[in-house]
Amino acid sequence: MTCEAIHFPESGTVRFAIYPDGFDGPRIMARIQDRALRQCFGASADDGESLIGACESHFGLIECCALARYALAPQVPVLLGPSDFDLPIERSFQKTLQADAQFA
């Protein structure tokens, strides 16, 4: 798992490479919205280094989502947004944390 991330402020995305067939296969460029990196992974607003750092820190999950999206529609460019990481288990975990905070 290698994160090759570059921030593109003009498009509000971080571009990164995925390798659906491993490193011996094709290199596919995918993107994740800055908004997703801020909302889902804690990156700072408009800070390129923070956005790339969030992408690198959470690349295992980001790469899995990008590979799954690519597998579903290889002809469509991969662009991940916040909704790609809005998992039911995450919502359940957040509710549990909020409930625990009320009793603390």
PDB file of N, CA and C in Angstrom:
ATOM      1  N   MET A   1       0.853  -1.170   0.000  1.00  0.00           N
ATOM      2  CA  MET A   1       0.000   0.000   0.000  1.00  0.00           C
ATOM      3  C   MET A   1       0.901   1.235   0.000  1.00  0.00           C
ATOM      4  N   THR A   2       0.981   1.885  -1.138  1.00  0.00           N
ATOM      5  CA  THR A   2       1.766   3.095  -1.283  1.00  0.00           C
ATOM      6  C   THR A   2       0.857   4.228  -1.696  1.00  0.00           C
ATOM      7  N   CYS A   3       0.912   5.334  -0.989  1.00  0.00           N
ATOM      8  CA  CYS A   3       0.072   6.487  -1.305  1.00  0.00           C
ATOM      9  C   CYS A   3       0.889   7.495  -2.119  1.00  0.00           C
ATOM     10  N   GLU A   4       0.469   7.701  -3.347  1.00  0.00           N
ATOM     11  CA  GLU A   4       1.105   8.676  -4.232  1.00  0.00           C
ATOM     12  C   GLU A   4       0.116   9.820  -4.415  1.00  0.00           C
ATOM     13  N   ALA A   5       0.039  10.725  -3.451  1.00  0.00           N
ATOM     14  CA  ALA A   5      -0.994  11.760  -3.434  1.00  0.00           C
ATOM     15  C   ALA A   5      -0.445  13.128  -3.818  1.00  0.00           C
ATOM     16  N   ILE A   6      -1.260  13.853  -4.597  1.00  0.00           N
ATOM     17  CA  ILE A   6      -0.941  15.231  -4.996  1.00  0.00           C
ATOM     18  C   ILE A   6      -2.207  16.058  -4.829  1.00  0.00           C
ATOM     19  N   HIS A   7      -2.089  17.210  -4.167  1.00  0.00           N
ATOM     20  CA  HIS A   7      -3.244  18.085  -3.973  1.00  0.00           C
ATOM     21  C   HIS A   7      -3.418  19.014  -5.171  1.00  0.00           C
ATOM     22  N   PHE A   8      -4.662  19.140  -5.626  1.00  0.00           N
ATOM     23  CA  PHE A   8      -5.021  20.057  -6.709  1.00  0.00           C
ATOM     24  C   PHE A   8      -6.055  21.042  -6.179  1.00  0.00           C
ATOM     25  N   PRO A   9      -5.603  22.195  -5.651  1.00  0.00           N
ATOM     26  CA  PRO A   9      -6.534  23.143  -5.039  1.00  0.00           C
ATOM     27  C   PRO A   9      -7.576  23.686  -6.017  1.00  0.00           C
ATOM     28  N   GLU A  10      -7.204  23.814  -7.292  1.00  0.00           N
ATOM     29  CA  GLU A  10      -8.154  24.371  -8.265  1.00  0.00           C
ATOM     30  C   GLU A  10      -9.365  23.459  -8.471  1.00  0.00           C
ATOM     31  N   SER A  11      -9.201  22.153  -8.269  1.00  0.00           N
ATOM     32  CA  SER A  11     -10.342  21.243  -8.409  1.00  0.00           C
ATOM     33  C   SER A  11     -10.887  20.790  -7.055  1.00  0.00           C
ATOM     34  N   GLY A  12     -10.221  21.176  -5.976  1.00  0.00           N
ATOM     35  CA  GLY A  12     -10.663  20.781  -4.643  1.00  0.00           C
ATOM     36  C   GLY A  12     -10.563  19.285  -4.416  1.00  0.00           C
ATOM     37  N   THR A  13      -9.496  18.687  -4.969  1.00  0.00           N
ATOM     38  CA  THR A  13      -9.314  17.243  -4.836  1.00  0.00           C
ATOM     39  C   THR A  13      -7.859  16.888  -4.557  1.00  0.00           C
ATOM     40  N   VAL A  14      -7.676  15.692  -4.060  1.00  0.00           N
ATOM     41  CA  VAL A  14      -6.354  15.075  -3.961  1.00  0.00           C
ATOM     42  C   VAL A  14      -6.375  13.896  -4.924  1.00  0.00           C
ATOM     43  N   ARG A  15      -5.396  13.859  -5.817  1.00  0.00           N
ATOM     44  CA  ARG A  15      -5.290  12.776  -6.795  1.00  0.00           C
ATOM     45  C   ARG A  15      -4.304  11.748  -6.268  1.00  0.00           C
ATOM     46  N   PHE A  16      -4.629  10.478  -6.484  1.00  0.00           N
ATOM     47  CA  PHE A  16      -3.762   9.400  -6.029  1.00  0.00           C
ATOM     48  C   PHE A  16      -3.875   8.222  -6.994  1.00  0.00           C
ATOM     49  N   ALA A  17      -2.894   7.345  -6.952  1.00  0.00           N
ATOM     50  CA  ALA A  17      -2.867   6.191  -7.847  1.00  0.00           C
ATOM     51  C   ALA A  17      -3.401   4.953  -7.139  1.00  0.00           C
ATOM     52  N   ILE A  18      -4.115   4.136  -7.922  1.00  0.00           N
ATOM     53  CA  ILE A  18      -4.520   2.816  -7.453  1.00  0.00           C
ATOM     54  C   ILE A  18      -4.061   1.795  -8.493  1.00  0.00           C
ATOM     55  N   TYR A  19      -3.854   0.587  -8.031  1.00  0.00           N
ATOM     56  CA  TYR A  19      -3.362  -0.490  -8.899  1.00  0.00           C
ATOM     57  C   TYR A  19      -4.291  -1.696  -8.763  1.00  0.00           C
ATOM     58  N   PRO A  20      -5.354  -1.754  -9.583  1.00  0.00           N
ATOM     59  CA  PRO A  20      -6.339  -2.836  -9.446  1.00  0.00           C
ATOM     60  C   PRO A  20      -5.749  -4.240  -9.593  1.00  0.00           C
ATOM     61  N   ASP A  21      -4.704  -4.388 -10.386  1.00  0.00           N
ATOM     62  CA  ASP A  21      -4.090  -5.699 -10.617  1.00  0.00           C
ATOM     63  C   ASP A  21      -2.720  -5.809  -9.965  1.00  0.00           C
ATOM     64  N   GLY A  22      -2.461  -5.005  -8.946  1.00  0.00           N
ATOM     65  CA  GLY A  22      -1.148  -4.981  -8.320  1.00  0.00           C
ATOM     66  C   GLY A  22      -0.202  -4.073  -9.095  1.00  0.00           C
ATOM     67  N   PHE A  23       1.009  -3.941  -8.607  1.00  0.00           N
ATOM     68  CA  PHE A  23       1.965  -3.009  -9.213  1.00  0.00           C
ATOM     69  C   PHE A  23       2.417  -3.414 -10.611  1.00  0.00           C
ATOM     70  N   ASP A  24       2.172  -4.653 -10.995  1.00  0.00           N
ATOM     71  CA  ASP A  24       2.536  -5.094 -12.343  1.00  0.00           C
ATOM     72  C   ASP A  24       1.466  -4.735 -13.371  1.00  0.00           C
ATOM     73  N   GLY A  25       0.287  -4.337 -12.903  1.00  0.00           N
ATOM     74  CA  GLY A  25      -0.824  -4.000 -13.794  1.00  0.00           C
ATOM     75  C   GLY A  25      -0.912  -2.502 -14.055  1.00  0.00           C
ATOM     76  N   PRO A  26      -2.044  -2.071 -14.600  1.00  0.00           N
ATOM     77  CA  PRO A  26      -2.202  -0.654 -14.930  1.00  0.00           C
ATOM     78  C   PRO A  26      -2.275   0.239 -13.691  1.00  0.00           C
ATOM     79  N   ARG A  27      -1.827   1.458 -13.864  1.00  0.00           N
ATOM     80  CA  ARG A  27      -1.900   2.480 -12.815  1.00  0.00           C
ATOM     81  C   ARG A  27      -3.100   3.362 -13.148  1.00  0.00           C
ATOM     82  N   ILE A  28      -4.058   3.439 -12.252  1.00  0.00           N
ATOM     83  CA  ILE A  28      -5.280   4.215 -12.449  1.00  0.00           C
ATOM     84  C   ILE A  28      -5.243   5.426 -11.516  1.00  0.00           C
ATOM     85  N   MET A  29      -5.527   6.593 -12.058  1.00  0.00           N
ATOM     86  CA  MET A  29      -5.578   7.798 -11.227  1.00  0.00           C
ATOM     87  C   MET A  29      -7.001   7.971 -10.690  1.00  0.00           C
ATOM     88  N   ALA A  30      -7.091   8.180  -9.399  1.00  0.00           N
ATOM     89  CA  ALA A  30      -8.363   8.399  -8.727  1.00  0.00           C
ATOM     90  C   ALA A  30      -8.269   9.720  -7.970  1.00  0.00           C
ATOM     91  N   ARG A  31      -9.427  10.235  -7.557  1.00  0.00           N
ATOM     92  CA  ARG A  31      -9.446  11.491  -6.801  1.00  0.00           C
ATOM     93  C   ARG A  31     -10.380  11.361  -5.604  1.00  0.00           C
ATOM     94  N   ILE A  32     -10.062  12.135  -4.573  1.00  0.00           N
ATOM     95  CA  ILE A  32     -10.934  12.266  -3.413  1.00  0.00           C
ATOM     96  C   ILE A  32     -11.125  13.756  -3.160  1.00  0.00           C
ATOM     97  N   GLN A  33     -12.353  14.141  -2.873  1.00  0.00           N
ATOM     98  CA  GLN A  33     -12.653  15.553  -2.634  1.00  0.00           C
ATOM     99  C   GLN A  33     -12.000  16.029  -1.335  1.00  0.00           C
ATOM    100  N   ASP A  34     -11.532  17.275  -1.361  1.00  0.00           N
ATOM    101  CA  ASP A  34     -10.985  17.889  -0.143  1.00  0.00           C
ATOM    102  C   ASP A  34     -12.010  17.807   0.987  1.00  0.00           C
ATOM    103  N   ARG A  35     -13.279  18.025   0.636  1.00  0.00           N
ATOM    104  CA  ARG A  35     -14.358  18.019   1.627  1.00  0.00           C
ATOM    105  C   ARG A  35     -14.416  16.660   2.340  1.00  0.00           C
ATOM    106  N   ALA A  36     -14.236  15.577   1.608  1.00  0.00           N
ATOM    107  CA  ALA A  36     -14.248  14.243   2.221  1.00  0.00           C
ATOM    108  C   ALA A  36     -13.076  14.077   3.186  1.00  0.00           C
ATOM    109  N   LEU A  37     -11.913  14.583   2.797  1.00  0.00           N
ATOM    110  CA  LEU A  37     -10.742  14.481   3.677  1.00  0.00           C
ATOM    111  C   LEU A  37     -10.926  15.305   4.944  1.00  0.00           C
ATOM    112  N   ARG A  38     -11.604  16.451   4.841  1.00  0.00           N
ATOM    113  CA  ARG A  38     -11.858  17.270   6.027  1.00  0.00           C
ATOM    114  C   ARG A  38     -12.942  16.644   6.903  1.00  0.00           C
ATOM    115  N   GLN A  39     -14.078  16.298   6.299  1.00  0.00           N
ATOM    116  CA  GLN A  39     -15.222  15.810   7.075  1.00  0.00           C
ATOM    117  C   GLN A  39     -15.007  14.411   7.643  1.00  0.00           C
ATOM    118  N   CYS A  40     -14.398  13.551   6.887  1.00  0.00           N
ATOM    119  CA  CYS A  40     -14.289  12.143   7.288  1.00  0.00           C
ATOM    120  C   CYS A  40     -12.963  11.781   7.935  1.00  0.00           C
ATOM    121  N   PHE A  41     -11.908  12.537   7.615  1.00  0.00           N
ATOM    122  CA  PHE A  41     -10.579  12.135   8.063  1.00  0.00           C
ATOM    123  C   PHE A  41      -9.827  13.223   8.817  1.00  0.00           C
ATOM    124  N   GLY A  42     -10.482  14.339   9.127  1.00  0.00           N
ATOM    125  CA  GLY A  42      -9.917  15.342  10.008  1.00  0.00           C
ATOM    126  C   GLY A  42      -8.865  16.273   9.436  1.00  0.00           C
ATOM    127  N   ALA A  43      -8.790  16.390   8.117  1.00  0.00           N
ATOM    128  CA  ALA A  43      -7.814  17.315   7.518  1.00  0.00           C
ATOM    129  C   ALA A  43      -8.222  18.762   7.797  1.00  0.00           C
ATOM    130  N   SER A  44      -7.234  19.654   7.835  1.00  0.00           N
ATOM    131  CA  SER A  44      -7.495  21.081   8.025  1.00  0.00           C
ATOM    132  C   SER A  44      -8.012  21.693   6.727  1.00  0.00           C
ATOM    133  N   ALA A  45      -8.805  22.724   6.868  1.00  0.00           N
ATOM    134  CA  ALA A  45      -9.363  23.404   5.691  1.00  0.00           C
ATOM    135  C   ALA A  45      -8.260  24.079   4.887  1.00  0.00           C
ATOM    136  N   ASP A  46      -8.271  23.864   3.593  1.00  0.00           N
ATOM    137  CA  ASP A  46      -7.390  24.545   2.630  1.00  0.00           C
ATOM    138  C   ASP A  46      -5.894  24.409   2.925  1.00  0.00           C
ATOM    139  N   ASP A  47      -5.507  23.384   3.616  1.00  0.00           N
ATOM    140  CA  ASP A  47      -4.093  23.143   3.886  1.00  0.00           C
ATOM    141  C   ASP A  47      -3.672  21.903   3.111  1.00  0.00           C
ATOM    142  N   GLY A  48      -2.942  22.102   2.021  1.00  0.00           N
ATOM    143  CA  GLY A  48      -2.544  21.002   1.158  1.00  0.00           C
ATOM    144  C   GLY A  48      -1.805  19.903   1.889  1.00  0.00           C
ATOM    145  N   GLU A  49      -0.900  20.275   2.777  1.00  0.00           N
ATOM    146  CA  GLU A  49      -0.136  19.265   3.523  1.00  0.00           C
ATOM    147  C   GLU A  49      -1.045  18.431   4.422  1.00  0.00           C
ATOM    148  N   SER A  50      -2.008  19.081   5.056  1.00  0.00           N
ATOM    149  CA  SER A  50      -2.944  18.372   5.924  1.00  0.00           C
ATOM    150  C   SER A  50      -3.830  17.430   5.116  1.00  0.00           C
ATOM    151  N   LEU A  51      -4.265  17.877   3.942  1.00  0.00           N
ATOM    152  CA  LEU A  51      -5.108  17.044   3.082  1.00  0.00           C
ATOM    153  C   LEU A  51      -4.343  15.806   2.607  1.00  0.00           C
ATOM    154  N   ILE A  52      -3.106  16.008   2.176  1.00  0.00           N
ATOM    155  CA  ILE A  52      -2.282  14.873   1.734  1.00  0.00           C
ATOM    156  C   ILE A  52      -1.979  13.957   2.918  1.00  0.00           C
ATOM    157  N   GLY A  53      -1.696  14.542   4.077  1.00  0.00           N
ATOM    158  CA  GLY A  53      -1.440  13.743   5.274  1.00  0.00           C
ATOM    159  C   GLY A  53      -2.631  12.883   5.661  1.00  0.00           C
ATOM    160  N   ALA A  54      -3.833  13.451   5.569  1.00  0.00           N
ATOM    161  CA  ALA A  54      -5.044  12.676   5.873  1.00  0.00           C
ATOM    162  C   ALA A  54      -5.215  11.544   4.873  1.00  0.00           C
ATOM    163  N   CYS A  55      -4.934  11.824   3.609  1.00  0.00           N
ATOM    164  CA  CYS A  55      -5.019  10.790   2.572  1.00  0.00           C
ATOM    165  C   CYS A  55      -4.017   9.671   2.866  1.00  0.00           C
ATOM    166  N   GLU A  56      -2.805  10.031   3.208  1.00  0.00           N
ATOM    167  CA  GLU A  56      -1.776   9.029   3.510  1.00  0.00           C
ATOM    168  C   GLU A  56      -2.126   8.221   4.761  1.00  0.00           C
ATOM    169  N   SER A  57      -2.598   8.903   5.801  1.00  0.00           N
ATOM    170  CA  SER A  57      -2.905   8.234   7.069  1.00  0.00           C
ATOM    171  C   SER A  57      -4.051   7.237   6.948  1.00  0.00           C
ATOM    172  N   HIS A  58      -4.986   7.518   6.069  1.00  0.00           N
ATOM    173  CA  HIS A  58      -6.180   6.689   5.933  1.00  0.00           C
ATOM    174  C   HIS A  58      -6.233   6.003   4.569  1.00  0.00           C
ATOM    175  N   PHE A  59      -5.055   5.821   3.969  1.00  0.00           N
ATOM    176  CA  PHE A  59      -5.026   5.330   2.604  1.00  0.00           C
ATOM    177  C   PHE A  59      -5.573   3.913   2.461  1.00  0.00           C
ATOM    178  N   GLY A  60      -5.440   3.100   3.478  1.00  0.00           N
ATOM    179  CA  GLY A  60      -5.991   1.746   3.397  1.00  0.00           C
ATOM    180  C   GLY A  60      -7.474   1.766   3.067  1.00  0.00           C
ATOM    181  N   LEU A  61      -8.240   2.560   3.790  1.00  0.00           N
ATOM    182  CA  LEU A  61      -9.680   2.663   3.553  1.00  0.00           C
ATOM    183  C   LEU A  61      -9.977   3.390   2.247  1.00  0.00           C
ATOM    184  N   ILE A  62      -9.271   4.490   1.998  1.00  0.00           N
ATOM    185  CA  ILE A  62      -9.496   5.266   0.768  1.00  0.00           C
ATOM    186  C   ILE A  62      -9.206   4.413  -0.459  1.00  0.00           C
ATOM    187  N   GLU A  63      -8.100   3.683  -0.428  1.00  0.00           N
ATOM    188  CA  GLU A  63      -7.738   2.820  -1.554  1.00  0.00           C
ATOM    189  C   GLU A  63      -8.786   1.731  -1.769  1.00  0.00           C
ATOM    190  N   CYS A  64      -9.268   1.111  -0.696  1.00  0.00           N
ATOM    191  CA  CYS A  64     -10.300   0.070  -0.821  1.00  0.00           C
ATOM    192  C   CYS A  64     -11.562   0.619  -1.478  1.00  0.00           C
ATOM    193  N   CYS A  65     -11.989   1.791  -1.056  1.00  0.00           N
ATOM    194  CA  CYS A  65     -13.183   2.400  -1.649  1.00  0.00           C
ATOM    195  C   CYS A  65     -12.954   2.726  -3.124  1.00  0.00           C
ATOM    196  N   ALA A  66     -11.779   3.246  -3.441  1.00  0.00           N
ATOM    197  CA  ALA A  66     -11.469   3.591  -4.833  1.00  0.00           C
ATOM    198  C   ALA A  66     -11.409   2.344  -5.709  1.00  0.00           C
ATOM    199  N   LEU A  67     -10.798   1.281  -5.211  1.00  0.00           N
ATOM    200  CA  LEU A  67     -10.722   0.031  -5.970  1.00  0.00           C
ATOM    201  C   LEU A  67     -12.114  -0.563  -6.193  1.00  0.00           C
ATOM    202  N   ALA A  68     -12.963  -0.486  -5.178  1.00  0.00           N
ATOM    203  CA  ALA A  68     -14.331  -0.997  -5.320  1.00  0.00           C
ATOM    204  C   ALA A  68     -15.109  -0.181  -6.345  1.00  0.00           C
ATOM    205  N   ARG A  69     -14.969   1.134  -6.287  1.00  0.00           N
ATOM    206  CA  ARG A  69     -15.654   2.005  -7.250  1.00  0.00           C
ATOM    207  C   ARG A  69     -15.163   1.716  -8.659  1.00  0.00           C
ATOM    208  N   TYR A  70     -13.859   1.553  -8.828  1.00  0.00           N
ATOM    209  CA  TYR A  70     -13.289   1.251 -10.137  1.00  0.00           C
ATOM    210  C   TYR A  70     -13.801  -0.095 -10.658  1.00  0.00           C
ATOM    211  N   ALA A  71     -13.870  -1.092  -9.787  1.00  0.00           N
ATOM    212  CA  ALA A  71     -14.329  -2.421 -10.198  1.00  0.00           C
ATOM    213  C   ALA A  71     -15.778  -2.390 -10.685  1.00  0.00           C
ATOM    214  N   LEU A  72     -16.602  -1.554 -10.089  1.00  0.00           N
ATOM    215  CA  LEU A  72     -18.002  -1.450 -10.498  1.00  0.00           C
ATOM    216  C   LEU A  72     -18.172  -0.807 -11.866  1.00  0.00           C
ATOM    217  N   ALA A  73     -17.312   0.159 -12.177  1.00  0.00           N
ATOM    218  CA  ALA A  73     -17.436   0.893 -13.443  1.00  0.00           C
ATOM    219  C   ALA A  73     -16.063   1.385 -13.884  1.00  0.00           C
ATOM    220  N   PRO A  74     -15.247   0.504 -14.491  1.00  0.00           N
ATOM    221  CA  PRO A  74     -13.884   0.894 -14.861  1.00  0.00           C
ATOM    222  C   PRO A  74     -13.799   2.018 -15.884  1.00  0.00           C
ATOM    223  N   GLN A  75     -14.862   2.249 -16.625  1.00  0.00           N
ATOM    224  CA  GLN A  75     -14.856   3.300 -17.645  1.00  0.00           C
ATOM    225  C   GLN A  75     -15.165   4.683 -17.066  1.00  0.00           C
ATOM    226  N   VAL A  76     -15.576   4.750 -15.804  1.00  0.00           N
ATOM    227  CA  VAL A  76     -15.954   6.016 -15.159  1.00  0.00           C
ATOM    228  C   VAL A  76     -14.815   6.468 -14.243  1.00  0.00           C
ATOM    229  N   PRO A  77     -14.403   7.753 -14.356  1.00  0.00           N
ATOM    230  CA  PRO A  77     -13.350   8.243 -13.454  1.00  0.00           C
ATOM    231  C   PRO A  77     -13.753   8.090 -11.982  1.00  0.00           C
ATOM    232  N   VAL A  78     -12.800   7.726 -11.146  1.00  0.00           N
ATOM    233  CA  VAL A  78     -13.057   7.530  -9.716  1.00  0.00           C
ATOM    234  C   VAL A  78     -12.914   8.864  -9.001  1.00  0.00           C
ATOM    235  N   LEU A  79     -14.014   9.321  -8.398  1.00  0.00           N
ATOM    236  CA  LEU A  79     -14.027  10.531  -7.576  1.00  0.00           C
ATOM    237  C   LEU A  79     -14.777  10.195  -6.298  1.00  0.00           C
ATOM    238  N   LEU A  80     -14.062  10.154  -5.181  1.00  0.00           N
ATOM    239  CA  LEU A  80     -14.663   9.818  -3.899  1.00  0.00           C
ATOM    240  C   LEU A  80     -15.079  11.085  -3.162  1.00  0.00           C
ATOM    241  N   GLY A  81     -16.232  11.021  -2.515  1.00  0.00           N
ATOM    242  CA  GLY A  81     -16.742  12.132  -1.717  1.00  0.00           C
ATOM    243  C   GLY A  81     -17.099  11.651  -0.326  1.00  0.00           C
ATOM    244  N   PRO A  82     -17.606  12.543   0.517  1.00  0.00           N
ATOM    245  CA  PRO A  82     -17.942  12.167   1.891  1.00  0.00           C
ATOM    246  C   PRO A  82     -18.922  10.995   1.988  1.00  0.00           C
ATOM    247  N   SER A  83     -19.872  10.918   1.066  1.00  0.00           N
ATOM    248  CA  SER A  83     -20.871   9.848   1.142  1.00  0.00           C
ATOM    249  C   SER A  83     -20.264   8.462   0.923  1.00  0.00           C
ATOM    250  N   ASP A  84     -19.093   8.391   0.292  1.00  0.00           N
ATOM    251  CA  ASP A  84     -18.437   7.099   0.106  1.00  0.00           C
ATOM    252  C   ASP A  84     -17.929   6.514   1.424  1.00  0.00           C
ATOM    253  N   PHE A  85     -17.836   7.350   2.447  1.00  0.00           N
ATOM    254  CA  PHE A  85     -17.320   6.902   3.737  1.00  0.00           C
ATOM    255  C   PHE A  85     -18.374   6.986   4.832  1.00  0.00           C
ATOM    256  N   ASP A  86     -19.618   7.208   4.458  1.00  0.00           N
ATOM    257  CA  ASP A  86     -20.723   7.290   5.404  1.00  0.00           C
ATOM    258  C   ASP A  86     -21.299   5.892   5.587  1.00  0.00           C
ATOM    259  N   LEU A  87     -20.603   5.092   6.351  1.00  0.00           N
ATOM    260  CA  LEU A  87     -20.968   3.697   6.537  1.00  0.00           C
ATOM    261  C   LEU A  87     -21.907   3.544   7.727  1.00  0.00           C
ATOM    262  N   PRO A  88     -22.869   2.638   7.654  1.00  0.00           N
ATOM    263  CA  PRO A  88     -23.797   2.444   8.779  1.00  0.00           C
ATOM    264  C   PRO A  88     -23.087   2.159  10.090  1.00  0.00           C
ATOM    265  N   ILE A  89     -22.016   1.388  10.051  1.00  0.00           N
ATOM    266  CA  ILE A  89     -21.289   1.081  11.288  1.00  0.00           C
ATOM    267  C   ILE A  89     -20.659   2.345  11.867  1.00  0.00           C
ATOM    268  N   GLU A  90     -20.225   3.257  10.989  1.00  0.00           N
ATOM    269  CA  GLU A  90     -19.642   4.509  11.465  1.00  0.00           C
ATOM    270  C   GLU A  90     -20.708   5.351  12.169  1.00  0.00           C
ATOM    271  N   ARG A  91     -21.901   5.432  11.586  1.00  0.00           N
ATOM    272  CA  ARG A  91     -22.990   6.198  12.215  1.00  0.00           C
ATOM    273  C   ARG A  91     -23.347   5.585  13.561  1.00  0.00           C
ATOM    274  N   SER A  92     -23.391   4.254  13.623  1.00  0.00           N
ATOM    275  CA  SER A  92     -23.713   3.566  14.860  1.00  0.00           C
ATOM    276  C   SER A  92     -22.653   3.851  15.919  1.00  0.00           C
ATOM    277  N   PHE A  93     -21.385   3.826  15.520  1.00  0.00           N
ATOM    278  CA  PHE A  93     -20.293   4.100  16.439  1.00  0.00           C
ATOM    279  C   PHE A  93     -20.366   5.535  16.952  1.00  0.00           C
ATOM    280  N   GLN A  94     -20.683   6.488  16.062  1.00  0.00           N
ATOM    281  CA  GLN A  94     -20.798   7.882  16.473  1.00  0.00           C
ATOM    282  C   GLN A  94     -21.925   8.062  17.485  1.00  0.00           C
ATOM    283  N   LYS A  95     -23.044   7.382  17.282  1.00  0.00           N
ATOM    284  CA  LYS A  95     -24.160   7.468  18.235  1.00  0.00           C
ATOM    285  C   LYS A  95     -23.756   6.892  19.584  1.00  0.00           C
ATOM    286  N   THR A  96     -22.993   5.805  19.574  1.00  0.00           N
ATOM    287  CA  THR A  96     -22.518   5.203  20.816  1.00  0.00           C
ATOM    288  C   THR A  96     -21.599   6.161  21.565  1.00  0.00           C
ATOM    289  N   LEU A  97     -20.698   6.817  20.833  1.00  0.00           N
ATOM    290  CA  LEU A  97     -19.803   7.791  21.467  1.00  0.00           C
ATOM    291  C   LEU A  97     -20.588   8.942  22.074  1.00  0.00           C
ATOM    292  N   GLN A  98     -21.613   9.423  21.359  1.00  0.00           N
ATOM    293  CA  GLN A  98     -22.438  10.522  21.881  1.00  0.00           C
ATOM    294  C   GLN A  98     -23.184  10.080  23.143  1.00  0.00           C
ATOM    295  N   ALA A  99     -23.719   8.859  23.137  1.00  0.00           N
ATOM    296  CA  ALA A  99     -24.423   8.355  24.322  1.00  0.00           C
ATOM    297  C   ALA A  99     -23.467   8.199  25.490  1.00  0.00           C
ATOM    298  N   ASP A 100     -22.273   7.696  25.244  1.00  0.00           N
ATOM    299  CA  ASP A 100     -21.284   7.541  26.306  1.00  0.00           C
ATOM    300  C   ASP A 100     -20.888   8.887  26.890  1.00  0.00           C
ATOM    301  N   ALA A 101     -20.794   9.911  26.047  1.00  0.00           N
ATOM    302  CA  ALA A 101     -20.421  11.243  26.500  1.00  0.00           C
ATOM    303  C   ALA A 101     -21.476  11.829  27.446  1.00  0.00           C
ATOM    304  N   GLN A 102     -22.742  11.468  27.224  1.00  0.00           N
ATOM    305  CA  GLN A 102     -23.802  11.988  28.076  1.00  0.00           C
ATOM    306  C   GLN A 102     -23.726  11.402  29.497  1.00  0.00           C
ATOM    307  N   PHE A 103     -23.187  10.191  29.594  1.00  0.00           N
ATOM    308  CA  PHE A 103     -23.106   9.533  30.901  1.00  0.00           C
ATOM    309  C   PHE A 103     -21.779   9.778  31.605  1.00  0.00           C
ATOM    310  N   ALA A 104     -20.857  10.423  30.939  1.00  0.00           N
ATOM    311  CA  ALA A 104     -19.525  10.648  31.526  1.00  0.00           C
ATOM    312  C   ALA A 104     -19.536  11.796  32.506  1.00  0.00           C
TER     313      ALA A 104
END
